[in-house]
Amino acid sequence: MRTNSDERAGAERKTDKAGRLPPGQSLTKRFPVLHYGPVPAFDAQTWDLKVFGEVEQDARWSWDEFCRLPRTRVKMDIHCVTTWSKLDTEWEGVGICALVESGLVRPKPGATVVLQHCEFGYTTNIPLETALGENFLLATHFDGEPLAPEHGHPLRAVCGAIPGRDDLDDVYLWKGGKWLRGLEFLEEDRSGFWELAGYHNRGGVWDEERFSER
């Protein structure tokens, strides 16, 4: 009789052969919940998302306004620094690349980094090039349903691997902040919460950039 561990091992071998399982990762069908601090309450009447810093003009959207922005759906493999990977996850939301292409967000020439500001002061940093990838999304929905509170409702950033798209940067899941409230464009890099606590500044999945060598 095949056990769950046998089935997982078989799936991992198949996925690894297809080049989709990064080094040091194991597959899961679950979606583990990992975050620092409590789950915040959401009030659609007071919630907003701000874009500021090295941009030609600051922007602010209420929840209703954000929900009317251009939307897209992306299927991605996501990888957590704690070594689990979940394949073919479906996300819906707003791409920063679409906001830039439409002129709703206009980074200044010197902008190189996007610092995500989340509830309770949590932050995490990513290169602007990563944020502009088709695999980086400001997500409101997961697998066809609004995000669960513990997974970042109403809005979280998420970055994953689109199978067959080796041109896109792939970073660990912590590089997409839950309960997102602001995007700050920077000329110079600034470490976020976990980066200051010893996590790797870039967090590249395929190079196993889990922790800083400092």
Protein backbone atom coordinates (compact mmCIF):
# COMPACT_ATOMS: atom_id res chain seq x y z
CA MET A 1 0.00 0.00 0.00
CA ARG A 2 1.36 3.40 -0.99
CA THR A 3 1.64 5.92 1.84
CA ASN A 4 1.42 9.69 1.64
CA SER A 5 5.20 9.86 2.03
CA ASP A 6 5.63 7.46 -0.90
CA GLU A 7 3.33 9.59 -3.05
CA ARG A 8 5.17 12.76 -2.08
CA ALA A 9 8.54 11.18 -2.83
CA GLY A 10 7.30 10.10 -6.23
CA ALA A 11 5.94 13.57 -6.97
CA GLU A 12 9.23 15.13 -5.86
CA ARG A 13 11.22 12.89 -8.19
CA LYS A 14 8.94 13.76 -11.09
CA THR A 15 9.05 17.49 -10.27
CA ASP A 16 12.81 17.45 -9.76
CA LYS A 17 13.26 15.77 -13.14
CA ALA A 18 11.16 18.56 -14.69
CA GLY A 19 13.46 21.14 -13.08
CA ARG A 20 10.77 22.67 -10.87
CA LEU A 21 11.93 21.68 -7.37
CA PRO A 22 14.75 23.93 -6.12
CA PRO A 23 17.63 22.60 -4.00
CA GLY A 24 16.74 21.83 -0.39
CA GLN A 25 12.96 22.00 -0.96
CA SER A 26 10.20 19.44 -0.35
CA LEU A 27 6.72 19.42 -1.85
CA THR A 28 3.55 20.05 0.13
CA LYS A 29 -0.11 20.04 -0.82
CA ARG A 30 -0.95 22.18 2.20
CA PHE A 31 -0.40 25.93 2.49
CA PRO A 32 1.42 26.37 5.83
CA VAL A 33 0.76 29.58 7.73
CA LEU A 34 3.90 31.46 8.77
CA HIS A 35 4.11 35.09 9.86
CA TYR A 36 5.35 37.32 12.63
CA GLY A 37 2.77 38.95 14.89
CA PRO A 38 -1.06 38.85 14.94
CA VAL A 39 -3.48 38.85 12.02
CA PRO A 40 -4.76 42.42 11.57
CA ALA A 41 -8.39 43.41 11.21
CA PHE A 42 -9.54 44.78 7.85
CA ASP A 43 -11.80 47.81 7.41
CA ALA A 44 -12.61 48.50 3.76
CA GLN A 45 -13.63 52.06 4.63
CA THR A 46 -10.26 53.08 6.05
CA TRP A 47 -7.82 50.77 4.22
CA ASP A 48 -5.51 52.28 1.63
CA LEU A 49 -2.36 51.46 -0.32
CA LYS A 50 0.28 54.15 -0.80
CA VAL A 51 3.04 54.40 -3.40
CA PHE A 52 5.79 56.88 -2.56
CA GLY A 53 9.52 57.57 -2.58
CA GLU A 54 11.45 57.69 -5.83
CA VAL A 55 8.38 58.04 -8.06
CA GLU A 56 7.34 60.97 -10.24
CA GLN A 57 4.11 61.32 -8.27
CA ASP A 58 2.87 59.67 -5.09
CA ALA A 59 -0.24 57.53 -5.41
CA ARG A 60 -2.90 56.36 -3.00
CA TRP A 61 -5.77 53.96 -3.59
CA SER A 62 -8.69 53.13 -1.35
CA TRP A 63 -9.86 49.52 -1.33
CA ASP A 64 -12.58 50.23 -3.89
CA GLU A 65 -10.10 52.07 -6.10
CA PHE A 66 -7.52 49.32 -5.86
CA CYS A 67 -10.10 46.70 -6.86
CA ARG A 68 -10.73 48.65 -10.08
CA LEU A 69 -7.08 48.60 -11.17
CA PRO A 70 -6.04 46.35 -14.09
CA ARG A 71 -6.01 42.76 -12.88
CA THR A 72 -4.32 39.56 -13.97
CA ARG A 73 -4.10 35.89 -13.01
CA VAL A 74 -0.82 34.02 -12.67
CA LYS A 75 -0.07 30.35 -11.98
CA MET A 76 3.19 29.93 -10.08
CA ASP A 77 5.26 27.56 -7.98
CA ILE A 78 5.94 29.12 -4.58
CA HIS A 79 8.88 28.29 -2.32
CA CYS A 80 9.26 29.03 1.40
CA VAL A 81 12.61 29.56 3.08
CA THR A 82 11.54 26.92 5.64
CA THR A 83 12.00 24.37 2.78
CA TRP A 84 8.43 23.66 1.58
CA SER A 85 7.32 24.23 -2.01
CA LYS A 86 3.80 24.31 -3.42
CA LEU A 87 3.31 23.93 -7.16
CA ASP A 88 0.76 25.36 -9.60
CA THR A 89 -0.76 27.87 -7.20
CA GLU A 90 -3.14 30.35 -8.84
CA TRP A 91 -3.11 34.00 -7.86
CA GLU A 92 -5.16 37.01 -8.93
CA GLY A 93 -4.30 40.63 -8.39
CA VAL A 94 -2.44 43.63 -9.77
CA GLY A 95 1.03 43.52 -11.27
CA ILE A 96 3.42 46.39 -10.58
CA CYS A 97 4.60 45.91 -14.16
CA ALA A 98 1.06 46.74 -15.37
CA LEU A 99 0.91 49.82 -13.14
CA VAL A 100 4.20 51.05 -14.59
CA GLU A 101 3.24 50.25 -18.18
CA SER A 102 -0.05 52.13 -17.77
CA GLY A 103 1.67 55.15 -16.22
CA LEU A 104 -0.18 54.82 -12.91
CA VAL A 105 3.20 54.37 -11.21
CA ARG A 106 6.25 56.10 -12.68
CA PRO A 107 9.54 55.22 -10.95
CA LYS A 108 12.26 57.85 -11.19
CA PRO A 109 15.40 56.86 -13.14
CA GLY A 110 17.37 56.37 -9.92
CA ALA A 111 14.93 53.90 -8.33
CA THR A 112 16.48 50.47 -7.82
CA VAL A 113 14.58 48.90 -4.91
CA VAL A 114 10.99 48.53 -3.72
CA LEU A 115 10.44 48.34 0.03
CA GLN A 116 7.10 46.78 0.97
CA HIS A 117 5.42 48.29 4.02
CA CYS A 118 2.90 46.09 5.80
CA GLU A 119 0.71 46.22 8.90
CA PHE A 120 2.45 46.48 12.29
CA GLY A 121 5.57 48.00 10.71
CA TYR A 122 6.73 44.85 8.91
CA THR A 123 8.86 45.53 5.81
CA THR A 124 10.72 43.54 3.18
CA ASN A 125 12.87 44.68 0.26
CA ILE A 126 13.18 43.48 -3.33
CA PRO A 127 15.06 44.81 -6.36
CA LEU A 128 12.91 46.93 -8.67
CA GLU A 129 13.73 44.49 -11.48
CA THR A 130 12.15 41.68 -9.44
CA ALA A 131 9.08 43.75 -8.61
CA LEU A 132 8.53 44.46 -12.31
CA GLY A 133 8.50 40.77 -13.23
CA GLU A 134 5.32 39.08 -14.41
CA ASN A 135 5.74 36.69 -11.47
CA PHE A 136 5.45 39.42 -8.83
CA LEU A 137 1.85 40.22 -7.96
CA LEU A 138 -0.08 42.36 -5.51
CA ALA A 139 -2.55 39.57 -4.83
CA THR A 140 -6.13 39.68 -3.55
CA HIS A 141 -7.15 36.11 -4.46
CA PHE A 142 -5.64 32.63 -4.12
CA ASP A 143 -7.00 29.62 -6.04
CA GLY A 144 -10.10 31.56 -7.06
CA GLU A 145 -11.04 32.77 -3.58
CA PRO A 146 -10.25 35.99 -1.65
CA LEU A 147 -7.15 35.59 0.49
CA ALA A 148 -7.77 34.09 3.91
CA PRO A 149 -6.92 36.49 6.76
CA GLU A 150 -3.95 34.36 7.84
CA HIS A 151 -2.57 34.45 4.29
CA GLY A 152 -2.64 38.23 4.00
CA HIS A 153 -6.22 39.39 3.35
CA PRO A 154 -6.99 41.79 1.84
CA LEU A 155 -3.68 42.26 -0.01
CA ARG A 156 -0.30 40.59 -0.06
CA ALA A 157 2.63 40.55 -2.43
CA VAL A 158 3.68 37.20 -3.85
CA CYS A 159 6.57 36.12 -6.04
CA GLY A 160 6.97 32.65 -7.50
CA ALA A 161 8.26 30.68 -10.45
CA ILE A 162 6.27 30.51 -13.67
CA PRO A 163 7.22 27.15 -15.21
CA GLY A 164 9.28 27.61 -18.35
CA ARG A 165 10.12 31.26 -17.60
CA ASP A 166 13.78 31.17 -16.64
CA ASP A 167 14.09 34.89 -17.39
CA LEU A 168 12.19 35.85 -14.23
CA ASP A 169 13.73 36.27 -10.78
CA ASP A 170 12.44 33.76 -8.23
CA VAL A 171 12.69 34.59 -4.53
CA TYR A 172 11.49 32.93 -1.34
CA LEU A 173 7.94 33.59 -0.22
CA TRP A 174 8.89 35.89 2.67
CA LYS A 175 9.91 38.47 0.04
CA GLY A 176 6.21 39.04 -0.59
CA GLY A 177 4.76 40.89 2.39
CA LYS A 178 1.35 39.99 3.85
CA TRP A 179 -1.19 42.71 4.74
CA LEU A 180 0.48 45.14 2.39
CA ARG A 181 -0.11 48.88 2.89
CA GLY A 182 2.67 50.69 1.03
CA LEU A 183 5.29 50.50 -1.70
CA GLU A 184 8.32 52.72 -1.23
CA PHE A 185 10.64 53.13 -4.21
CA LEU A 186 14.27 53.67 -3.17
CA GLU A 187 17.54 54.69 -4.78
CA GLU A 188 19.56 52.72 -2.23
CA ASP A 189 18.73 49.37 -0.71
CA ARG A 190 17.22 49.18 2.78
CA SER A 191 16.89 45.91 4.67
CA GLY A 192 13.49 44.78 5.90
CA PHE A 193 12.39 42.99 9.06
CA TRP A 194 13.73 39.48 8.40
CA GLU A 195 16.72 40.76 6.48
CA LEU A 196 17.80 42.70 9.57
CA ALA A 197 17.25 39.53 11.60
CA GLY A 198 19.73 37.53 9.52
CA TYR A 199 17.82 36.39 6.44
CA HIS A 200 19.53 36.83 3.09
CA ASN A 201 19.05 40.24 1.52
CA ARG A 202 18.13 38.89 -1.93
CA GLY A 203 16.54 35.53 -1.09
CA GLY A 204 17.16 33.82 -4.42
CA VAL A 205 15.51 30.39 -4.44
CA TRP A 206 17.76 28.53 -6.85
CA ASP A 207 20.95 29.72 -5.13
CA GLU A 208 19.53 28.79 -1.70
CA GLU A 209 20.01 32.31 -0.40
CA ARG A 210 18.26 31.64 2.87
CA PHE A 211 20.45 33.38 5.44
CA SER A 212 23.04 36.13 5.41
CA GLU A 213 26.71 35.31 5.72
CA ARG A 214 27.32 38.45 7.78
